[in-house]
Protein backbone atom coordinates (compact mmCIF):
# COMPACT_ATOMS: atom_id res chain seq x y z
CA UNK A 1 28.88 -9.42 6.31
CA UNK A 2 28.41 -9.51 2.62
CA UNK A 3 31.74 -9.94 0.17
CA UNK A 4 31.13 -6.93 -1.48
CA UNK A 5 30.75 -5.47 2.22
CA UNK A 6 33.87 -6.59 3.16
CA UNK A 7 35.81 -5.72 0.30
CA UNK A 8 34.13 -2.05 0.87
CA UNK A 9 35.19 -2.37 4.30
CA UNK A 10 39.18 -3.33 3.51
CA UNK A 11 39.38 0.46 2.37
CA UNK A 12 36.98 2.80 4.69
CA UNK A 13 37.51 0.89 7.83
CA UNK A 14 35.23 1.74 9.79
CA UNK A 15 33.77 4.77 8.41
CA UNK A 16 30.10 5.44 7.78
CA UNK A 17 28.75 4.82 4.43
CA UNK A 18 25.62 4.56 3.37
CA UNK A 19 24.46 0.60 1.92
CA UNK A 20 21.56 -0.99 0.26
CA UNK A 21 19.27 -3.03 2.20
CA UNK A 22 16.05 -5.53 1.81
CA UNK A 23 13.39 -5.72 4.47
CA UNK A 24 10.62 -7.74 4.11
CA UNK A 25 7.16 -7.67 5.82
CA UNK A 26 5.56 -11.81 5.50
CA UNK A 27 2.50 -12.27 7.60
CA UNK A 28 0.58 -15.41 8.88
CA UNK A 29 -3.26 -16.10 8.01
CA UNK A 30 -4.43 -14.26 10.78
CA UNK A 31 -2.48 -10.68 9.90
CA UNK A 32 0.63 -11.67 12.35
CA UNK A 33 3.68 -10.35 11.37
CA UNK A 34 6.81 -12.39 11.20
CA UNK A 35 9.93 -10.93 13.41
CA UNK A 36 12.97 -12.06 14.69
CA UNK A 37 15.51 -11.81 17.30
CA UNK A 38 19.19 -11.49 16.45
CA UNK A 39 22.09 -12.49 17.23
CA UNK A 40 24.64 -9.44 17.02
CA UNK A 41 22.90 -6.53 18.47
CA UNK A 42 21.51 -8.36 22.03
CA UNK A 43 18.43 -10.13 23.06
CA UNK A 44 16.13 -6.92 22.63
CA UNK A 45 16.80 -6.53 19.19
CA UNK A 46 13.83 -7.70 17.22
CA UNK A 47 13.33 -6.74 13.70
CA UNK A 48 11.88 -7.87 10.25
CA UNK A 49 13.65 -10.12 8.26
CA UNK A 50 16.06 -8.62 5.42
CA UNK A 51 19.70 -7.32 5.17
CA UNK A 52 22.32 -6.19 2.90
CA UNK A 53 22.19 -6.41 -1.34
CA UNK A 54 24.93 -8.02 -2.76
CA UNK A 55 26.52 -7.03 -5.91
CA UNK A 56 25.25 -8.25 -8.63
CA UNK A 57 21.66 -9.06 -7.30
CA UNK A 58 18.57 -6.67 -7.57
CA UNK A 59 17.23 -5.81 -4.42
CA UNK A 60 14.00 -7.91 -4.93
CA UNK A 61 16.23 -10.41 -5.08
CA UNK A 62 17.91 -9.78 -2.24
CA UNK A 63 15.11 -9.72 -0.11
CA UNK A 64 14.01 -12.94 -1.39
CA UNK A 65 17.55 -14.25 -1.15
CA UNK A 66 17.36 -13.23 2.99
CA UNK A 67 13.75 -14.05 3.97
CA UNK A 68 15.16 -17.44 2.64
CA UNK A 69 18.32 -17.68 4.66
CA UNK A 70 16.96 -16.29 7.80
CA UNK A 71 13.75 -17.44 8.55
CA UNK A 72 13.35 -20.50 5.67
CA UNK A 73 10.56 -18.98 3.72
CA UNK A 74 10.17 -18.51 0.36
CA UNK A 75 8.45 -15.27 -0.36
CA UNK A 76 6.83 -13.70 -3.41
CA UNK A 77 7.56 -9.18 -2.86
CA UNK A 78 4.20 -7.80 -3.87
CA UNK A 79 4.78 -4.35 -3.20
CA UNK A 80 7.31 -1.67 -2.16
CA UNK A 81 5.91 -0.25 1.61
CA UNK A 82 8.32 2.37 1.04
CA UNK A 83 12.31 3.75 0.74
CA UNK A 84 13.77 4.31 4.12
CA UNK A 85 17.03 6.81 4.31
CA UNK A 86 17.29 9.09 6.81
CA UNK A 87 20.25 9.08 8.71
CA UNK A 88 17.52 9.22 11.98
CA UNK A 89 18.03 5.57 10.82
CA UNK A 90 22.01 5.14 10.91
CA UNK A 91 23.05 2.57 12.54
CA UNK A 92 26.56 1.62 14.00
CA UNK A 93 27.62 -2.29 14.72
CA UNK A 94 28.96 -4.01 17.27
CA UNK A 95 32.45 -4.38 15.14
CA UNK A 96 32.04 -0.43 15.47
CA UNK A 97 31.17 -0.48 11.18
CA UNK A 98 29.06 2.81 10.94
CA UNK A 99 26.36 3.16 8.34
CA UNK A 100 24.01 4.83 6.69
CA UNK A 101 21.19 2.65 5.75
CA UNK A 102 19.29 2.99 2.39
CA UNK A 103 16.57 0.16 2.84
CA UNK A 104 13.78 -0.29 0.71
CA UNK A 105 10.89 -2.62 2.37
CA UNK A 106 8.83 -5.13 0.47
CA UNK A 107 5.02 -6.66 1.60
CA UNK A 108 5.83 -10.13 0.39
CA UNK A 109 3.56 -13.32 -0.26
CA UNK A 110 4.97 -16.94 1.03
CA UNK A 111 5.04 -19.38 -1.83
CA UNK A 112 6.45 -22.47 0.34
CA UNK A 113 9.51 -23.58 2.83
CA UNK A 114 8.94 -23.62 6.37
CA UNK A 115 9.76 -21.61 9.07
CA UNK A 116 13.26 -22.14 10.74
CA UNK A 117 15.69 -19.61 12.49
CA UNK A 118 19.54 -19.20 10.67
CA UNK A 119 22.00 -20.98 12.94
CA UNK A 120 24.24 -18.83 14.49
CA UNK A 121 22.56 -15.09 12.86
CA UNK A 122 19.00 -15.18 13.94
CA UNK A 123 18.19 -16.62 17.97
CA UNK A 124 13.79 -16.75 17.58
CA UNK A 125 11.53 -16.10 14.76
CA UNK A 126 8.17 -15.10 16.01
CA UNK A 127 4.29 -13.79 14.45
CA UNK A 128 3.13 -10.69 16.28
CA UNK A 129 -0.65 -9.11 16.08
CA UNK A 130 -0.24 -5.47 14.92
CA UNK A 131 -1.85 -4.67 18.26
CA UNK A 132 1.24 -6.57 20.44
CA UNK A 133 4.27 -5.83 18.21
CA UNK A 134 7.71 -6.13 20.18
CA UNK A 135 9.95 -3.26 20.94
CA UNK A 136 12.18 -2.89 17.85
CA UNK A 137 14.35 -0.12 16.18
CA UNK A 138 12.56 3.48 14.81
CA UNK A 139 13.33 2.30 11.01
CA UNK A 140 11.50 -1.02 11.28
CA UNK A 141 8.78 1.08 12.98
CA UNK A 142 8.15 3.64 10.53
CA UNK A 143 8.09 0.72 7.87
CA UNK A 144 5.01 -1.64 10.29
CA UNK A 145 3.45 1.92 10.60
CA UNK A 146 3.78 2.13 6.66
CA UNK A 147 2.64 -1.57 5.79
CA UNK A 148 -0.36 -1.24 8.27
CA UNK A 149 -1.52 2.28 7.16
CA UNK A 150 -1.89 -0.27 3.21
CA UNK A 151 -1.50 3.12 1.02
CA UNK A 152 -0.56 1.72 -2.40
CA UNK A 153 1.95 4.63 -2.99
CA UNK A 154 5.47 3.95 -1.93
CA UNK A 155 6.70 5.69 1.81
CA UNK A 156 9.91 7.89 1.21
CA UNK A 157 10.00 10.73 3.86
CA UNK A 158 10.19 8.60 7.34
CA UNK A 159 12.33 10.05 9.42
CA UNK A 160 13.77 13.60 9.40
CA UNK A 161 15.39 15.23 6.22
CA UNK A 162 19.18 16.54 6.89
CA UNK A 163 18.63 20.01 7.80
CA UNK A 164 21.16 21.76 7.02
CA UNK A 165 22.68 23.42 4.26
CA UNK A 166 24.66 21.99 0.88
CA UNK A 167 28.06 22.98 -0.47
CA UNK A 168 27.47 21.80 -3.94
CA UNK A 169 30.64 23.01 -5.24
CA UNK A 170 32.78 21.25 -2.66
CA UNK A 171 30.61 18.19 -2.68
CA UNK A 172 30.03 17.42 0.87
CA UNK A 173 27.48 18.46 3.64
CA UNK A 174 27.92 20.91 6.36
CA UNK A 175 28.02 20.58 10.03
CA UNK A 176 26.12 17.45 10.52
CA UNK A 177 26.71 16.61 13.69
CA UNK A 178 28.90 12.98 13.80
CA UNK A 179 29.77 13.15 10.03
CA UNK A 180 33.08 13.85 8.70
CA UNK A 181 31.35 15.67 5.99
CA UNK A 182 32.21 13.45 3.10
CA UNK A 183 29.79 12.78 0.28
CA UNK A 184 29.39 9.37 -1.28
CA UNK A 185 30.96 11.23 -4.47
CA UNK A 186 34.42 11.42 -2.17
CA UNK A 187 33.51 7.95 -0.38
CA UNK A 188 33.72 6.71 -3.93
CA UNK A 189 36.67 8.89 -5.02
CA UNK A 190 38.95 7.71 -2.17
CA UNK A 191 38.27 3.83 -2.69
CA UNK A 192 39.05 4.76 -6.24
CA UNK A 193 42.17 5.76 -5.42
CA UNK A 194 43.33 3.53 -2.78
CA UNK A 195 42.36 0.15 -4.84
CA UNK A 196 43.98 2.01 -8.10
CA UNK A 197 41.55 -0.32 -9.98
CA UNK A 198 37.78 -0.33 -11.79
CA UNK A 199 36.25 -2.98 -9.71
CA UNK A 200 32.63 -3.04 -9.62
CA UNK A 201 30.79 -0.59 -6.77
CA UNK A 202 27.22 -0.13 -5.59
CA UNK A 203 26.33 3.49 -6.00
CA UNK A 204 23.02 5.36 -4.43
CA UNK A 205 21.03 8.14 -6.85
CA UNK A 206 17.85 9.57 -7.56
CA UNK A 207 16.62 10.91 -10.32
CA UNK A 208 13.51 13.31 -11.24
CA UNK A 209 11.10 13.17 -13.89
CA UNK A 210 9.97 16.78 -14.23
CA UNK A 211 6.90 18.00 -16.40
CA UNK A 212 5.43 20.79 -17.85
CA UNK A 213 2.39 20.62 -19.03
CA UNK A 214 3.20 18.30 -21.99
CA UNK A 215 7.27 18.11 -21.60
CA UNK A 216 9.37 16.65 -20.12
CA UNK A 217 12.88 18.42 -18.77
CA UNK A 218 16.12 16.46 -19.47
CA UNK A 219 19.65 16.84 -18.37
CA UNK A 220 22.56 17.01 -21.13
CA UNK A 221 25.65 15.21 -19.06
CA UNK A 222 29.24 16.49 -19.21
CA UNK A 223 30.93 13.49 -19.03
CA UNK A 224 29.25 11.93 -22.09
CA UNK A 225 27.19 14.83 -23.87
CA UNK A 226 24.02 12.23 -23.10
CA UNK A 227 20.71 13.36 -22.67
CA UNK A 228 18.88 12.10 -19.46
CA UNK A 229 16.42 13.21 -16.45
CA UNK A 230 18.59 15.29 -13.99
CA UNK A 231 19.36 13.37 -11.07
CA UNK A 232 22.96 12.74 -9.58
CA UNK A 233 24.57 10.26 -5.87
CA UNK A 234 23.24 10.60 -2.74
CA UNK A 235 25.67 12.89 0.11
CA UNK A 236 25.94 10.77 2.81
CA UNK A 237 23.97 12.35 5.48
CA UNK A 238 21.00 13.36 3.25
CA UNK A 239 17.66 11.36 2.71
CA UNK A 240 17.05 10.67 -0.19
CA UNK A 241 14.20 12.65 -1.63
CA UNK A 242 16.84 15.37 -0.83
CA UNK A 243 18.93 14.34 -3.55
CA UNK A 244 16.85 15.78 -6.39
CA UNK A 245 15.67 18.52 -4.58
CA UNK A 246 19.42 19.43 -4.61
CA UNK A 247 20.28 18.30 -7.91
CA UNK A 248 21.86 21.03 -9.78
CA UNK A 249 18.78 22.03 -12.39
CA UNK A 250 18.28 26.25 -11.50
CA UNK A 251 14.89 25.25 -10.26
CA UNK A 252 13.32 24.51 -7.03
CA UNK A 253 11.42 21.03 -7.23
CA UNK A 254 9.15 19.63 -4.54
CA UNK A 255 9.12 14.82 -5.05
CA UNK A 256 5.51 14.24 -5.37
CA UNK A 257 5.70 10.61 -5.72
CA UNK A 258 8.16 7.49 -5.81
CA UNK A 259 7.77 6.29 -9.70
CA UNK A 260 10.47 3.52 -9.39
CA UNK A 261 12.91 2.10 -7.91
CA UNK A 262 15.89 0.53 -10.05
CA UNK A 263 18.89 -1.89 -8.82
CA UNK A 264 19.08 -4.43 -11.39
CA UNK A 265 22.57 -5.35 -12.50
CA UNK A 266 20.98 -4.67 -15.86
CA UNK A 267 21.66 -1.15 -14.77
CA UNK A 268 24.86 -1.18 -13.93
CA UNK A 269 26.98 1.75 -16.06
CA UNK A 270 30.77 2.01 -16.68
CA UNK A 271 31.96 5.85 -16.74
CA UNK A 272 33.77 6.67 -19.91
CA UNK A 273 37.43 7.08 -17.33
CA UNK A 274 36.25 3.14 -16.73
CA UNK A 275 34.68 2.80 -13.63
CA UNK A 276 32.29 0.81 -13.19
CA UNK A 277 28.61 1.23 -10.90
CA UNK A 278 25.75 -0.75 -10.47
CA UNK A 279 23.23 1.57 -9.63
CA UNK A 280 20.63 1.68 -6.86
CA UNK A 281 17.94 4.66 -8.41
CA UNK A 282 15.29 5.96 -6.75
CA UNK A 283 13.10 8.22 -9.59
CA UNK A 284 10.89 10.68 -8.17
CA UNK A 285 7.91 12.92 -9.89
CA UNK A 286 8.61 16.17 -9.00
CA UNK A 287 6.88 19.31 -8.99
CA UNK A 288 8.71 22.42 -10.26
CA UNK A 289 7.55 25.13 -7.69
CA UNK A 290 10.17 27.70 -8.40
CA UNK A 291 13.72 28.59 -9.73
CA UNK A 292 14.72 29.37 -13.11
CA UNK A 293 17.24 26.64 -15.50
CA UNK A 294 20.82 26.79 -14.70
CA UNK A 295 23.53 24.30 -16.08
CA UNK A 296 26.59 24.45 -14.01
CA UNK A 297 29.07 24.03 -16.97
CA UNK A 298 30.44 20.74 -15.44
CA UNK A 299 28.32 17.84 -15.08
CA UNK A 300 25.71 20.04 -16.89
CA UNK A 301 26.29 20.98 -20.06
CA UNK A 302 22.58 21.74 -20.99
CA UNK A 303 19.06 21.39 -20.35
CA UNK A 304 16.12 21.85 -21.86
CA UNK A 305 12.55 20.92 -22.37
CA UNK A 306 11.39 18.43 -24.74
CA UNK A 307 8.26 17.60 -26.06
CA UNK A 308 7.01 13.66 -24.63
CA UNK A 309 6.48 13.70 -28.31
CA UNK A 310 9.63 14.53 -29.94
CA UNK A 311 12.40 12.85 -27.63
CA UNK A 312 16.03 12.92 -28.98
CA UNK A 313 16.81 10.21 -31.23
CA UNK A 314 19.65 9.25 -29.18
CA UNK A 315 18.19 9.44 -25.96
CA UNK A 316 19.77 6.11 -23.76
CA UNK A 317 16.80 3.25 -22.67
CA UNK A 318 17.32 3.41 -19.40
CA UNK A 319 16.23 7.42 -20.00
CA UNK A 320 13.41 6.24 -22.00
CA UNK A 321 12.43 3.34 -19.66
CA UNK A 322 11.96 5.86 -16.64
CA UNK A 323 10.29 8.37 -18.60
CA UNK A 324 7.67 5.80 -19.72
CA UNK A 325 7.27 4.40 -16.27
CA UNK A 326 6.61 7.74 -14.78
CA UNK A 327 3.84 8.49 -17.66
CA UNK A 328 2.25 4.76 -16.72
CA UNK A 329 0.60 6.98 -13.65
CA UNK A 330 0.96 3.80 -11.55
CA UNK A 331 0.38 4.65 -7.45
CA UNK A 332 2.60 2.22 -6.94
CA UNK A 333 5.84 2.40 -7.13
CA UNK A 334 7.45 -0.05 -9.97
CA UNK A 335 10.58 -2.16 -9.00
CA UNK A 336 13.07 -2.67 -11.63
């Protein structure tokens, strides 16, 4: 358990919460995939090297660190295989902690080190050929299948979405079996009330690049008045591409490509009320398929189409970077 998770669990106990993980796919010269047998889930638990992202590090740094700690290998992430966030992949740890896993899986190239198991956590390391893989949990099955498919695009639809209506006015998902119904926003607020200060947190969210000819849709936020791409925090229990579908623009949209993933501490934001959040943000290219622009007057005070050649002069740098990433047209997801 990382220091950040220990801190978080002080306030929420065993309650289900989204946590960010990195998984790595490391192959040998024959194309066999490295798996590890973990000590905490019993002898039958085979999985990919990886673990939790710590506050203050990026998701790629977490992948590199976890691979080194667990396997002794120095790796270089070369491609984002996919983002795995479905509630199908929820896990309960032996100590009772419940987690909705938000996992970025990377194809990695070995750059050095010597293979050795992490004492106390990893029982065994072994390379398995793709045609004789060990039994493993569903999320690893999805990751390996996407890796072996060798598509340049990052996967984001693995596992089922949360198929139930959202009551956005109350900020909660209704009716999910086994769920308290609390959103990540409610968890966030509960922790803030409990600790009474502005300690940094990792907040998971998604945003959308919605284009109409040579124009892009921007949202003026109610809290700071800035123009940004539409987006918001992920609800507990939803798959992350549902976040951009749910966001309050009035449009019906379909995510078609994971453009980029942002997690570096440089993307940390301080909100007007003083709360600090390190953002883990997925950015999707979306296609509008219906609806009409509509603001809620609270979180969003304006929605407007802007020419890509005439964007607002005071556009925040993170928004400029996101728009540039989308316009780059890369099939592979950019990871920052």
